[in-house]
Structures are given as C-alpha cells and as structure tokens.
C-alpha cells in the first residue's frame, strides 16, 4: 500500500451498490452500514467490544436497507467502512466527520488529526461515496425519472445513560413533504412510538446527506432512525423493513396523487 493510500485495493471500494438498475423511484442510502475498519487504521486504539458497538456502525441498518431494496426494487448505496474512520453523514469541514469522542468513548485514532490526515480520510471514504450518489441521482433525473432519497439509520436505546423509548424516528430538514406523509401514514396504521425528528434533528447536524443530495435538487427526502434493539435480529429486521416499506408506498402514492411529481 502506498503511504498516501488509506484503503488498499484488496479491501475493495469505499461503497457498495445493490440493485443499480432498481425500478423504484426510491434511492436508499446507508451511511453507517459497516463496522469494518480500514486495515491502515488498525483498531484506532479501541477494544473489540467498542468496535462492535453502536459507535462504530448503525446496528441492523444495512440489513433493513437491503430488505427494503428487495421489497421496493430500489437501488441501495452503502458505505463499506466504519463511521469512526469517517462519518459519511458529515461534511469534511465538520469535526464530527472524524469524532474524537463518541458518546462516552474516546477514539484515540481520531485525536489530533492534521489537515492532511483529514483530507486523506475524506478522499478515501467521503468523496467516492457521495460522488457515487450524485452520479446515480443525476443520471436518473436526466432521464426524467422521479427520485426519492431515503437514508436508513439506527440508534441506541440508551444514550449517555438515558433511555430512549421511541421506536422509529422520521427526520427531515427544510423539505418535510415525505416526512409529513409518512407520519400521517404511521398514525393511520396505528404504528406506535413513531416520532418526528427523533432522536435527533437538523439542529444536531444529522441531515447532511439529505441537504447535499435532496434539498439541492428539490427531490423528496427523508431520514429514518430505528431503535437498534428492534432490528438486532432477522425477525426484527424483516418486521421493520415491512412496516417502513408500507409507510413509503402509502406516502409516495399520496404525494404523487397530490402533486404529480416528487420534486418541489
């Protein structure tokens, strides 16, 4: 491996694309899909238990996203390396892209990074991932297709010692069309503990992907947060993928009926 390379070619690309020819309007994104650490970063000074925990990845999110991709015939773009190496839901200028501390854990491998260290991380992980999403969306828009952006995440049920009792968060930034429709659909379906901008909101800096790819193109977009103990096994993953797919299908049909297209 060259000294300036973060990811060796043997480790594969920074991102993976499932169902590139998907017929659905929905484009699924999973920024925190993997706990895999680039070999060059070793363990970043963390023990195995921490590297398996929620600070390294969104537990269950990739599996739910894959099931959604199958159910909807939707293209899915996933990041293949841990959020601790680079959090792809943060821009390069954000300190949160290279977290020195995540919840109660210090991350030694991210402490004191130089500007060149950060640029190396962004060049290896952030830019290829988001450029792939840009290319996918722009190609579809150029063909006159509707595009709907849906990002899939999970959250820990206990954060800084406080219990989070919600089941599903439906998050949005300035464009709330799809979130509103999904919240209405969840209420109609009597799906319990579904909340707006929970457990985070735009003020927490979590809507970068929505802003970069959704707001800039005025395409409908939403970020989903599922409590990770509910999707830690296959049964839960299938249950929640089914429920979310139902919400999306109902909501997108409503938006199309009301506006004809899914652009602002």
Protein backbone atom coordinates (compact mmCIF):
# COMPACT_ATOMS: atom_id res chain seq x y z
CA UNK A 1 0.00 0.00 0.00
CA UNK A 2 1.27 3.46 -0.85
CA UNK A 3 1.82 5.74 2.13
CA UNK A 4 -0.89 8.12 0.88
CA UNK A 5 -3.50 5.39 0.46
CA UNK A 6 -5.98 4.75 3.26
CA UNK A 7 -7.74 1.80 1.62
CA UNK A 8 -5.74 -0.88 -0.13
CA UNK A 9 -7.23 -2.09 -3.44
CA UNK A 10 -7.58 -5.53 -1.87
CA UNK A 11 -10.10 -4.08 0.59
CA UNK A 12 -12.42 -3.07 -2.21
CA UNK A 13 -14.14 0.26 -2.90
CA UNK A 14 -15.44 2.62 -0.23
CA UNK A 15 -19.05 1.97 -1.17
CA UNK A 16 -21.30 -0.78 -2.46
CA UNK A 17 -24.30 -0.50 -4.78
CA UNK A 18 -27.13 -3.03 -4.60
CA UNK A 19 -29.70 -3.22 -7.42
CA UNK A 20 -28.18 -0.46 -9.57
CA UNK A 21 -30.99 -0.93 -12.07
CA UNK A 22 -33.77 -0.74 -9.48
CA UNK A 23 -37.10 0.38 -10.92
CA UNK A 24 -38.34 2.17 -7.80
CA UNK A 25 -38.28 5.95 -7.51
CA UNK A 26 -36.62 5.40 -4.13
CA UNK A 27 -32.84 5.59 -3.78
CA UNK A 28 -31.77 4.12 -0.45
CA UNK A 29 -28.63 5.29 1.36
CA UNK A 30 -26.90 3.68 4.35
CA UNK A 31 -24.03 5.87 5.52
CA UNK A 32 -23.24 3.85 8.67
CA UNK A 33 -23.71 0.36 7.25
CA UNK A 34 -20.43 -1.24 8.31
CA UNK A 35 -18.18 -1.70 11.34
CA UNK A 36 -15.22 -2.65 9.12
CA UNK A 37 -12.12 -0.57 9.82
CA UNK A 38 -9.62 0.18 7.05
CA UNK A 39 -6.58 -2.01 7.71
CA UNK A 40 -4.32 1.04 7.73
CA UNK A 41 -6.15 2.37 10.81
CA UNK A 42 -5.98 -0.95 12.68
CA UNK A 43 -8.24 -0.68 15.78
CA UNK A 44 -7.84 3.09 16.28
CA UNK A 45 -6.91 2.29 19.89
CA UNK A 46 -10.30 0.76 20.69
CA UNK A 47 -11.08 -2.67 22.08
CA UNK A 48 -13.17 -5.26 20.28
CA UNK A 49 -16.35 -4.64 22.28
CA UNK A 50 -16.35 -0.95 21.38
CA UNK A 51 -15.69 -1.73 17.72
CA UNK A 52 -18.77 -3.96 17.75
CA UNK A 53 -20.95 -1.32 19.41
CA UNK A 54 -23.23 1.39 18.04
CA UNK A 55 -20.44 3.97 17.95
CA UNK A 56 -18.77 2.06 15.10
CA UNK A 57 -21.86 1.49 12.94
CA UNK A 58 -25.66 1.56 12.85
CA UNK A 59 -26.59 -1.91 14.07
CA UNK A 60 -29.21 -3.55 11.84
CA UNK A 61 -29.49 -0.60 9.45
CA UNK A 62 -27.80 -2.28 6.48
CA UNK A 63 -29.93 -5.40 6.80
CA UNK A 64 -33.13 -3.33 6.92
CA UNK A 65 -31.94 -1.31 3.94
CA UNK A 66 -31.22 -4.48 1.97
CA UNK A 67 -34.69 -5.84 2.72
CA UNK A 68 -36.22 -2.52 1.66
CA UNK A 69 -34.19 -2.68 -1.53
CA UNK A 70 -35.60 -6.13 -2.24
CA UNK A 71 -39.20 -5.25 -1.39
CA UNK A 72 -39.24 -1.99 -3.36
CA UNK A 73 -36.78 -2.93 -6.12
CA UNK A 74 -34.81 0.13 -5.03
CA UNK A 75 -31.14 0.91 -5.56
CA UNK A 76 -29.13 0.99 -2.32
CA UNK A 77 -25.78 2.76 -1.87
CA UNK A 78 -23.92 1.78 1.30
CA UNK A 79 -20.66 2.86 2.90
CA UNK A 80 -18.36 -0.15 3.43
CA UNK A 81 -16.24 1.19 6.29
CA UNK A 82 -16.86 2.30 9.85
CA UNK A 83 -18.23 5.71 10.73
CA UNK A 84 -15.26 6.03 13.12
CA UNK A 85 -12.89 6.20 10.14
CA UNK A 86 -15.15 8.80 8.53
CA UNK A 87 -18.78 9.61 9.27
CA UNK A 88 -20.25 9.98 5.79
CA UNK A 89 -23.25 11.88 7.12
CA UNK A 90 -20.92 14.78 7.92
CA UNK A 91 -19.06 17.11 5.51
CA UNK A 92 -15.23 17.20 5.56
CA UNK A 93 -15.18 20.53 7.42
CA UNK A 94 -17.17 19.06 10.33
CA UNK A 95 -15.28 17.80 13.37
CA UNK A 96 -17.98 15.13 13.63
CA UNK A 97 -16.66 13.52 10.47
CA UNK A 98 -13.65 12.34 12.49
CA UNK A 99 -15.08 12.00 16.02
CA UNK A 100 -12.50 12.28 18.78
CA UNK A 101 -15.19 11.16 21.20
CA UNK A 102 -18.37 9.19 20.51
CA UNK A 103 -20.89 9.19 23.33
CA UNK A 104 -18.84 8.05 26.37
CA UNK A 105 -15.88 6.68 24.41
CA UNK A 106 -12.69 8.46 23.41
CA UNK A 107 -11.46 7.50 19.94
CA UNK A 108 -7.65 7.65 20.16
CA UNK A 109 -7.15 7.15 16.42
CA UNK A 110 -9.01 10.38 15.70
CA UNK A 111 -7.32 12.60 18.28
CA UNK A 112 -5.02 15.28 16.93
CA UNK A 113 -5.55 14.60 13.22
CA UNK A 114 -3.77 17.02 10.91
CA UNK A 115 -5.43 18.70 7.95
CA UNK A 116 -3.69 16.24 5.64
CA UNK A 117 -4.88 13.30 7.76
CA UNK A 118 -8.46 14.51 7.46
CA UNK A 119 -8.10 15.11 3.73
CA UNK A 120 -6.79 11.57 3.31
CA UNK A 121 -9.83 10.18 5.12
CA UNK A 122 -12.25 12.32 3.10
CA UNK A 123 -10.59 11.44 -0.21
CA UNK A 124 -10.77 7.73 0.55
CA UNK A 125 -14.23 7.49 2.11
CA UNK A 126 -16.44 10.57 1.85
CA UNK A 127 -15.87 11.80 -1.69
CA UNK A 128 -16.20 8.44 -3.54
CA UNK A 129 -19.36 7.59 -1.59
CA UNK A 130 -21.14 10.87 -2.22
CA UNK A 131 -19.93 11.19 -5.80
CA UNK A 132 -21.48 7.78 -6.50
CA UNK A 133 -24.80 9.04 -5.09
CA UNK A 134 -24.53 12.27 -7.12
CA UNK A 135 -23.94 10.32 -10.32
CA UNK A 136 -26.81 7.90 -9.67
CA UNK A 137 -29.36 10.62 -8.90
CA UNK A 138 -28.29 12.95 -11.70
CA UNK A 139 -28.43 10.17 -14.27
CA UNK A 140 -32.00 9.36 -13.26
CA UNK A 141 -33.10 12.97 -13.23
CA UNK A 142 -31.56 13.48 -16.67
CA UNK A 143 -33.78 10.63 -17.91
CA UNK A 144 -36.86 12.33 -16.49
CA UNK A 145 -37.31 9.87 -13.65
CA UNK A 146 -38.68 10.72 -10.23
CA UNK A 147 -36.13 10.28 -7.46
CA UNK A 148 -36.88 9.96 -3.75
CA UNK A 149 -34.00 9.90 -1.27
CA UNK A 150 -34.34 7.69 1.82
CA UNK A 151 -31.47 7.25 4.28
CA UNK A 152 -31.57 4.36 6.76
CA UNK A 153 -30.06 4.56 10.26
CA UNK A 154 -30.45 3.03 13.71
CA UNK A 155 -30.00 4.49 17.18
CA UNK A 156 -29.00 3.08 20.55
CA UNK A 157 -31.81 2.67 23.13
CA UNK A 158 -29.63 4.11 25.90
CA UNK A 159 -27.57 7.24 25.24
CA UNK A 160 -25.48 8.90 27.95
CA UNK A 161 -27.38 6.75 30.42
CA UNK A 162 -30.81 7.99 29.31
CA UNK A 163 -33.46 5.64 27.95
CA UNK A 164 -34.92 6.35 24.51
CA UNK A 165 -38.35 4.76 24.30
CA UNK A 166 -39.24 5.70 20.70
CA UNK A 167 -39.26 3.04 18.01
CA UNK A 168 -38.89 4.96 14.75
CA UNK A 169 -37.74 8.48 14.02
CA UNK A 170 -38.76 10.16 10.78
CA UNK A 171 -36.37 13.05 10.20
CA UNK A 172 -36.37 15.93 7.76
CA UNK A 173 -34.66 19.23 7.14
CA UNK A 174 -36.43 22.10 5.33
CA UNK A 175 -38.30 19.76 2.98
CA UNK A 176 -40.88 17.99 5.13
CA UNK A 177 -43.18 16.64 2.38
CA UNK A 178 -42.24 12.98 2.65
CA UNK A 179 -41.79 13.06 6.43
CA UNK A 180 -45.25 14.56 6.88
CA UNK A 181 -46.80 11.93 4.63
CA UNK A 182 -45.01 9.09 6.44
CA UNK A 183 -46.03 10.39 9.87
CA UNK A 184 -49.64 10.58 8.69
CA UNK A 185 -49.40 7.04 7.31
CA UNK A 186 -47.90 5.79 10.58
CA UNK A 187 -50.76 7.34 12.54
CA UNK A 188 -53.34 5.80 10.22
CA UNK A 189 -51.66 2.41 10.57
CA UNK A 190 -51.58 2.84 14.38
CA UNK A 191 -47.83 2.25 14.36
CA UNK A 192 -46.72 3.16 17.87
CA UNK A 193 -43.86 5.38 19.05
CA UNK A 194 -43.09 6.94 15.66
CA UNK A 195 -41.80 10.49 16.10
CA UNK A 196 -40.71 13.47 14.07
CA UNK A 197 -37.01 14.42 14.15
CA UNK A 198 -36.23 11.81 16.79
CA UNK A 199 -33.88 11.09 18.47
CA UNK A 200 -32.03 13.83 16.58
CA UNK A 201 -32.99 16.75 14.37
CA UNK A 202 -31.46 19.16 11.87
CA UNK A 203 -30.04 21.24 14.70
CA UNK A 204 -27.80 18.26 15.57
CA UNK A 205 -26.15 18.27 12.14
CA UNK A 206 -27.53 14.89 11.10
CA UNK A 207 -29.17 15.92 7.82
CA UNK A 208 -26.04 16.43 5.71
CA UNK A 209 -26.90 13.69 3.20
CA UNK A 210 -30.46 14.99 2.88
CA UNK A 211 -29.20 18.52 2.26
CA UNK A 212 -26.42 17.58 -0.17
CA UNK A 213 -28.48 15.27 -2.34
CA UNK A 214 -32.12 16.09 -1.61
CA UNK A 215 -32.52 19.79 -0.88
CA UNK A 216 -30.08 20.87 -3.58
CA UNK A 217 -32.14 19.03 -6.21
CA UNK A 218 -35.54 19.67 -4.59
CA UNK A 219 -36.34 15.96 -4.54
CA UNK A 220 -38.43 14.40 -1.77
CA UNK A 221 -36.22 13.06 1.01
CA UNK A 222 -36.35 11.58 4.48
CA UNK A 223 -34.01 10.10 7.09
CA UNK A 224 -35.13 7.07 9.08
CA UNK A 225 -33.85 6.16 12.56
CA UNK A 226 -34.87 2.77 14.01
CA UNK A 227 -34.06 1.80 17.60
CA UNK A 228 -31.32 -0.77 17.17
CA UNK A 229 -32.54 -3.35 19.68
CA UNK A 230 -35.63 -3.72 17.49
CA UNK A 231 -33.53 -4.64 14.43
CA UNK A 232 -30.72 -6.63 16.02
CA UNK A 233 -32.01 -9.93 14.61
CA UNK A 234 -33.51 -11.12 11.34
CA UNK A 235 -37.09 -11.23 12.63
CA UNK A 236 -36.96 -7.61 13.75
CA UNK A 237 -35.25 -6.51 10.58
CA UNK A 238 -37.95 -8.12 8.45
CA UNK A 239 -40.73 -6.68 10.59
CA UNK A 240 -39.40 -3.14 10.40
CA UNK A 241 -38.47 -3.33 6.73
CA UNK A 242 -42.04 -4.41 6.03
CA UNK A 243 -43.57 -1.63 8.13
CA UNK A 244 -41.31 1.04 6.60
CA UNK A 245 -41.96 -0.21 3.06
CA UNK A 246 -45.70 0.05 3.72
CA UNK A 247 -45.28 3.62 5.00
CA UNK A 248 -43.17 4.59 2.00
CA UNK A 249 -45.53 3.09 -0.55
CA UNK A 250 -48.58 4.76 1.02
CA UNK A 251 -46.79 8.10 1.33
CA UNK A 252 -45.35 8.17 -2.17
CA UNK A 253 -48.72 7.32 -3.67
CA UNK A 254 -50.24 10.20 -1.71
CA UNK A 255 -47.56 12.65 -2.86
CA UNK A 256 -47.92 11.59 -6.48
CA UNK A 257 -51.68 11.94 -6.31
CA UNK A 258 -51.40 15.40 -4.80
CA UNK A 259 -48.58 16.79 -6.93
CA UNK A 260 -47.95 14.52 -9.87
CA UNK A 261 -44.17 14.62 -9.34
CA UNK A 262 -41.92 14.23 -6.36
CA UNK A 263 -39.99 17.43 -6.95
CA UNK A 264 -40.65 20.64 -5.06
